[in-house]
Protein backbone atom coordinates (compact mmCIF):
# COMPACT_ATOMS: atom_id res chain seq x y z
CA MET A 1 0.17 0.12 -0.01
CA GLY A 2 1.51 3.36 -0.85
CA ALA A 3 1.41 6.63 1.00
CA ARG A 4 -1.76 8.11 -1.04
CA GLU A 5 -3.36 5.01 -0.40
CA ALA A 6 -2.76 5.02 3.26
CA GLY A 7 -4.83 8.51 3.36
CA LEU A 8 -2.18 10.68 3.77
CA PRO A 9 -3.67 14.10 5.04
CA ASP A 10 -4.33 16.83 2.61
CA VAL A 11 -1.57 18.90 2.88
CA VAL A 12 -1.65 22.14 5.83
CA ARG A 13 1.14 24.54 5.98
CA SER A 14 1.96 25.83 9.28
CA GLY A 15 3.44 29.11 10.40
CA SER A 16 7.45 29.35 10.98
CA LEU A 17 8.59 26.47 8.84
CA PRO A 18 10.92 26.50 5.93
CA SER A 19 9.35 25.78 2.37
CA ARG A 20 12.16 22.91 2.14
CA VAL A 21 14.65 21.11 4.30
CA THR A 22 17.49 18.92 3.28
CA ILE A 23 17.26 15.37 4.79
CA TRP A 24 20.78 14.00 5.31
CA GLU A 25 20.49 10.37 5.03
CA VAL A 26 22.97 8.38 7.77
CA GLY A 27 21.49 5.04 7.23
CA ALA A 28 24.09 3.50 4.87
CA ARG A 29 27.09 4.69 7.57
CA ASP A 30 25.44 5.60 11.29
CA GLY A 31 22.22 3.14 10.14
CA LEU A 32 24.63 -0.11 9.82
CA GLN A 33 28.06 0.83 11.72
CA ASN A 34 26.09 -0.67 14.85
CA GLU A 35 24.97 -4.11 12.93
CA SER A 36 26.63 -7.20 15.20
CA VAL A 37 26.85 -9.09 10.99
CA VAL A 38 28.88 -7.74 8.30
CA VAL A 39 26.95 -6.53 5.48
CA PRO A 40 28.37 -7.60 2.54
CA VAL A 41 29.29 -4.11 0.19
CA SER A 42 27.29 -5.35 -2.76
CA VAL A 43 24.49 -4.93 -0.43
CA LYS A 44 25.50 -1.58 1.12
CA LEU A 45 26.12 -0.20 -2.48
CA GLU A 46 22.35 -1.37 -3.48
CA PHE A 47 21.21 0.04 -0.51
CA LEU A 48 22.68 3.48 -1.40
CA ASP A 49 21.32 3.50 -5.10
CA ARG A 50 17.98 2.62 -3.52
CA LEU A 51 18.67 5.58 -1.75
CA ALA A 52 19.69 7.70 -4.45
CA ALA A 53 16.44 6.76 -6.54
CA ALA A 54 14.44 7.89 -4.00
CA GLY A 55 14.79 11.22 -4.05
CA LEU A 56 17.80 11.39 -1.78
CA SER A 57 20.75 13.85 -2.54
CA VAL A 58 22.44 13.64 0.56
CA LEU A 59 24.03 9.71 1.12
CA GLU A 60 26.42 9.86 3.96
CA ALA A 61 28.07 6.49 2.56
CA THR A 62 30.41 5.37 4.51
CA SER A 63 33.24 6.05 7.45
CA PHE A 64 37.13 5.87 7.51
CA VAL A 65 37.46 4.94 11.51
CA HIS A 66 39.89 2.40 12.26
CA PRO A 67 38.30 -1.15 11.04
CA LYS A 68 39.30 -2.28 14.94
CA TRP A 69 36.74 -0.08 16.25
CA VAL A 70 34.53 -0.40 13.82
CA PRO A 71 34.32 -3.58 11.88
CA GLN A 72 31.76 -2.85 9.77
CA LEU A 73 32.98 -0.24 7.87
CA ALA A 74 36.26 -1.56 7.36
CA ASP A 75 35.06 -2.00 3.60
CA ALA A 76 35.14 1.61 3.12
CA ALA A 77 37.59 2.26 0.14
CA GLU A 78 36.10 -0.90 -1.63
CA LEU A 79 32.65 0.59 -1.21
CA LEU A 80 34.01 3.77 -2.33
CA SER A 81 35.57 2.15 -5.44
CA GLY A 82 32.06 0.41 -6.43
CA LEU A 83 29.94 3.00 -6.10
CA SER A 84 27.96 4.46 -9.05
CA LYS A 85 27.09 8.13 -8.39
CA ARG A 86 24.27 9.82 -9.52
CA PRO A 87 23.93 13.28 -10.27
CA GLY A 88 23.00 16.26 -8.12
CA VAL A 89 24.06 13.06 -5.47
CA VAL A 90 26.64 13.75 -2.52
CA TYR A 91 27.92 11.41 -1.07
CA PRO A 92 30.02 12.34 2.54
CA VAL A 93 32.42 10.41 4.41
CA LEU A 94 33.59 10.32 7.96
CA VAL A 95 37.15 10.86 8.90
CA PRO A 96 38.14 10.48 12.38
CA ASN A 97 41.72 12.41 11.90
CA GLU A 98 44.40 12.87 9.53
CA ARG A 99 44.86 8.99 8.58
CA GLY A 100 41.64 8.69 7.48
CA LEU A 101 41.58 11.73 5.60
CA ASP A 102 44.46 10.70 3.78
CA ARG A 103 42.42 7.89 2.61
CA ALA A 104 39.20 10.01 2.10
CA LEU A 105 41.64 11.83 -0.39
CA GLU A 106 42.84 8.80 -1.94
CA ALA A 107 38.92 7.76 -2.38
CA GLY A 108 38.63 10.78 -4.20
CA VAL A 109 35.57 12.13 -1.74
CA SER A 110 34.49 15.71 -2.21
CA HIS A 111 32.68 15.97 1.22
CA ILE A 112 34.13 14.75 4.35
CA ALA A 113 32.54 15.14 8.23
CA ILE A 114 34.41 15.12 11.65
CA PHE A 115 33.48 14.19 14.80
CA ALA A 116 33.59 15.51 18.00
CA SER A 117 31.99 15.55 21.74
CA ALA A 118 30.25 17.96 23.86
CA THR A 119 31.68 16.22 26.94
CA GLU A 120 34.83 15.16 28.86
CA THR A 121 33.74 11.34 29.14
CA PHE A 122 32.49 10.57 26.06
CA ALA A 123 35.74 12.99 24.45
CA SER A 124 37.96 10.31 26.49
CA ARG A 125 35.98 7.17 25.86
CA ASN A 126 35.26 8.16 21.99
CA LEU A 127 38.18 9.79 21.10
CA ASN A 128 40.90 9.22 23.55
CA ARG A 129 41.40 12.56 24.14
CA THR A 130 39.97 15.57 26.51
CA LEU A 131 37.45 18.00 25.54
CA ASP A 132 40.00 20.87 24.72
CA SER A 133 42.58 18.50 23.16
CA GLN A 134 40.00 17.27 20.93
CA PHE A 135 40.65 19.93 18.78
CA GLU A 136 44.40 19.77 18.14
CA MET A 137 43.38 16.53 16.41
CA PHE A 138 40.41 18.54 14.13
CA ALA A 139 42.14 21.36 12.84
CA PRO A 140 45.26 19.50 10.77
CA THR A 141 42.31 17.65 9.34
CA VAL A 142 40.15 20.05 8.79
CA SER A 143 42.90 22.60 7.37
CA ARG A 144 44.12 19.85 4.88
CA ALA A 145 40.51 18.71 3.85
CA LEU A 146 39.77 22.36 2.91
CA ALA A 147 42.86 23.63 1.29
CA ALA A 148 42.06 20.29 -1.13
CA GLY A 149 38.73 21.93 -1.37
CA LEU A 150 36.79 19.43 0.58
CA SER A 151 33.39 20.59 2.39
CA VAL A 152 33.74 19.83 5.93
CA ARG A 153 30.74 18.89 8.17
CA GLY A 154 31.29 18.66 11.88
CA TYR A 155 29.25 16.58 14.33
CA VAL A 156 28.62 17.30 18.17
CA SER A 157 27.92 14.55 19.69
CA MET A 158 26.33 14.25 23.78
CA CYS A 159 24.52 17.74 22.84
CA PHE A 160 21.31 17.19 25.20
CA GLY A 161 22.28 14.68 27.77
CA ASP A 162 25.88 12.36 28.29
CA PRO A 163 24.88 8.34 29.86
CA TRP A 164 27.62 9.61 32.81
CA GLU A 165 27.70 12.96 33.03
CA GLY A 166 24.03 13.39 32.55
CA PRO A 167 22.44 16.87 31.59
CA VAL A 168 24.98 19.21 29.38
CA ALA A 169 25.39 22.82 29.94
CA ARG A 170 24.15 24.63 26.61
CA SER A 171 27.28 27.01 27.17
CA GLN A 172 29.49 23.83 26.36
CA VAL A 173 27.50 22.69 23.87
CA VAL A 174 27.58 26.04 21.86
CA ALA A 175 31.77 26.44 22.71
CA VAL A 176 32.44 23.17 20.85
CA GLY A 177 30.03 24.22 18.41
CA GLU A 178 31.18 27.47 17.65
CA ARG A 179 35.21 26.89 17.73
CA LEU A 180 34.25 23.46 14.89
CA LEU A 181 32.60 26.34 12.84
CA GLU A 182 35.39 28.63 13.40
CA MET A 183 38.08 26.05 12.17
CA GLY A 184 36.38 26.30 9.21
CA CYS A 185 33.09 23.73 8.95
CA SER A 186 30.28 24.63 6.87
CA GLN A 187 27.78 23.27 8.82
CA LEU A 188 27.21 21.55 12.37
CA SER A 189 25.18 18.77 12.83
CA LEU A 190 23.90 18.70 16.56
CA GLY A 191 23.82 15.62 18.11
CA ASP A 192 21.44 13.89 20.67
CA THR A 193 23.26 11.10 20.86
CA ILE A 194 21.24 8.98 23.39
CA GLY A 195 17.80 10.12 22.73
CA VAL A 196 17.03 12.30 25.53
CA ALA A 197 15.79 15.91 24.59
CA THR A 198 12.73 16.92 24.42
CA PRO A 199 12.02 20.21 22.36
CA GLY A 200 12.08 22.75 24.78
CA GLN A 201 15.55 21.84 25.58
CA VAL A 202 16.03 21.75 21.52
CA GLU A 203 15.12 25.33 21.30
CA SER A 204 17.00 26.59 24.08
CA LEU A 205 20.21 25.18 22.81
CA LEU A 206 19.49 26.59 19.08
CA GLU A 207 18.71 30.12 20.70
CA GLY A 208 22.72 29.58 22.07
CA PHE A 209 23.93 29.59 18.54
CA ARG A 210 24.84 33.37 16.85
CA ASP A 211 23.40 31.69 13.34
CA VAL A 212 21.20 28.67 12.60
CA SER A 213 21.90 28.44 9.02
CA SER A 214 24.54 26.51 9.54
CA LEU A 215 23.13 24.14 11.64
CA ALA A 216 21.56 20.59 11.18
CA VAL A 217 20.16 18.51 13.93
CA HIS A 218 20.39 14.61 15.10
CA PHE A 219 18.02 12.75 17.13
CA HIS A 220 17.88 9.73 18.10
CA ASP A 221 14.42 8.07 19.24
CA THR A 222 14.64 6.41 22.80
CA TYR A 223 12.16 8.27 24.17
CA GLY A 224 10.47 8.60 20.93
CA GLN A 225 10.93 12.85 20.92
CA ALA A 226 12.66 12.59 17.55
CA LEU A 227 9.95 14.15 15.35
CA SER A 228 8.76 16.48 18.16
CA ASN A 229 12.22 17.91 18.22
CA THR A 230 12.86 18.13 15.09
CA LEU A 231 9.20 19.88 14.51
CA ALA A 232 10.78 22.24 17.59
CA ALA A 233 14.33 22.85 15.78
CA LEU A 234 12.44 23.72 11.80
CA ARG A 235 10.42 26.51 14.03
CA CYS A 236 13.65 27.87 15.32
CA GLY A 237 14.62 27.65 11.58
CA VAL A 238 17.00 24.62 10.64
CA THR A 239 16.66 23.66 7.11
CA THR A 240 18.76 20.40 7.45
CA VAL A 241 18.16 17.55 9.08
CA ASP A 242 19.88 13.98 9.55
CA SER A 243 18.26 10.42 9.49
CA SER A 244 18.17 7.06 8.40
CA ALA A 245 16.27 5.11 6.18
CA GLY A 246 14.14 2.24 8.13
CA GLY A 247 15.31 4.06 11.42
CA LEU A 248 18.38 1.97 11.15
CA GLY A 249 21.54 2.60 13.90
CA GLY A 250 22.70 3.57 17.11
CA CYS A 251 25.83 4.31 18.34
CA PRO A 252 28.76 2.03 19.08
CA TYR A 253 30.10 3.80 22.22
CA ALA A 254 26.79 4.32 23.32
CA GLU A 255 24.65 1.47 24.78
CA SER A 256 21.67 3.67 25.42
CA ALA A 257 21.54 5.13 22.21
CA THR A 258 18.98 3.19 20.05
CA GLY A 259 17.86 4.11 16.49
CA ASN A 260 18.27 7.22 14.45
CA LEU A 261 15.02 9.11 13.28
CA ALA A 262 13.51 7.37 10.76
CA THR A 263 13.20 8.91 7.50
CA GLU A 264 10.22 7.88 6.37
CA ASP A 265 8.76 9.28 9.44
CA LEU A 266 10.34 11.72 8.78
CA VAL A 267 9.05 12.43 5.19
CA TRP A 268 5.31 11.54 6.39
CA MET A 269 5.83 14.58 8.56
CA LEU A 270 7.05 16.89 6.24
CA ASP A 271 4.84 16.04 3.30
CA GLY A 272 1.92 16.59 5.44
CA LEU A 273 3.50 20.00 6.17
CA GLY A 274 3.86 20.96 2.69
CA ILE A 275 7.35 21.20 2.91
CA GLU A 276 9.41 19.65 0.41
CA THR A 277 12.12 16.96 0.13
CA GLY A 278 12.88 15.66 -3.14
CA VAL A 279 11.86 12.25 -2.10
CA ASP A 280 9.71 9.69 -2.81
CA LEU A 281 8.07 8.00 -0.08
CA ASP A 282 6.87 4.72 -1.43
CA LYS A 283 10.55 4.61 -3.30
CA LEU A 284 11.75 4.98 -0.22
CA VAL A 285 9.46 2.49 1.92
CA GLU A 286 10.58 -0.11 -0.52
CA CYS A 287 14.26 0.43 -0.08
CA SER A 288 13.60 -0.32 3.66
CA VAL A 289 11.49 -2.92 3.47
CA TRP A 290 14.33 -4.39 1.58
CA MET A 291 16.87 -3.61 3.77
CA ALA A 292 15.08 -5.51 6.65
CA GLU A 293 14.78 -8.53 4.33
CA GLN A 294 18.66 -8.39 4.21
CA LEU A 295 19.22 -7.73 7.96
CA GLY A 296 16.41 -10.29 8.84
CA ARG A 297 14.74 -8.12 10.98
CA PRO A 298 11.65 -5.46 10.15
CA SER A 299 12.19 -2.02 10.20
CA PRO A 300 11.38 -0.46 13.34
CA SER A 301 9.89 2.78 11.61
CA ARG A 302 6.10 3.02 12.41
CA VAL A 303 5.66 4.61 8.51
CA VAL A 304 7.79 1.75 6.98
CA ARG A 305 5.13 -0.98 8.97
CA ALA A 306 2.29 0.87 8.32
CA LEU A 307 3.07 1.41 4.50
CA SER A 308 4.45 -1.94 3.80
CA LYS A 309 1.43 -4.18 4.95
C-alpha cells in the first residue's frame, strides 16, 4: 500500500516553518555501523543506489575509522571504488583524523565529516582525548581538507545528555560547536546521541548559537521524541535534518543510544506540512523493506510498517 492509498492527510502548512528541508541520510553509515553481522559491500552499494533512486540527495556513505573500532565499515575503500554516483547526489564520508583523511583523499571524496564530543567523558571514551585536546586532532584534518577543496561538516555528540555525566550545559555545547565553525566547518550537526532531548531543550540550545543557518540536527528516538524535537528545530529555522532509512542505527560507544529518527517518519511529517524534500516516500519504503529483509528483521519505522502491510 502506498502513501496516498494509506490516506496521507491534506497538506496543511504551519507558520514559521521552512519551505524546503534537506535530509542528510545516514543509514548507510550511522545506520549500519552498529550491526553485529557484517553486511556485504554489494548490499551496501545497492542500498545507496536505492536511496538515491528515492530522491535523497545527501547520502553519508561510510567512514574511514579504524576497522578495529567499527568492523562494519572496514570496506570503506572498496565501497567507494564500486560506487556508481548519481548526478546531483553527494556522498560524504566520516573521517576521525588525518589518517582517515588520507584514505578519503585517495578515494576521491568531495565531502567529509568529523565528529566531536560536547562532554569530557565521551571525548575520552570515543576519541581518547580531553574535551579541549580533541581540537588538536581536528585542526590539521580540517585545514588540509579545506586546502584540498573539500567541504567539511562537524558532528557534535552528547549535546543534550550524557549517560555518564547527565545533563549537558548549553554553554558547553555552544562552545564546542562555535569552535568547529571557526575552524572551517561549513555545517554543524547537533546530536542527541542517547535520545533524551525534549523540544524545550532543543529550542534553548539553538537559541544559544549566533546563526542557525549553518546548523543541522541529529536525533535518536530512544524516548519517542525525535519527531517532536525535529519540529521544534524547524520552527527555530533549521533546514537540514539527519535521519536514517528504516530507523536503522545507534552508537557503538554509547549503549543507551537506540535507532536514529527514521527517514520515512520524517518524510511523512514533512509531506503533511507541505515542506519539500524531493523524496518519493513509496520508493523509500520499498528500499527500507528490502534492507530489513537483508538484515533479517523488521524495520522499526512506524511509517515503513504501516505502508508495507
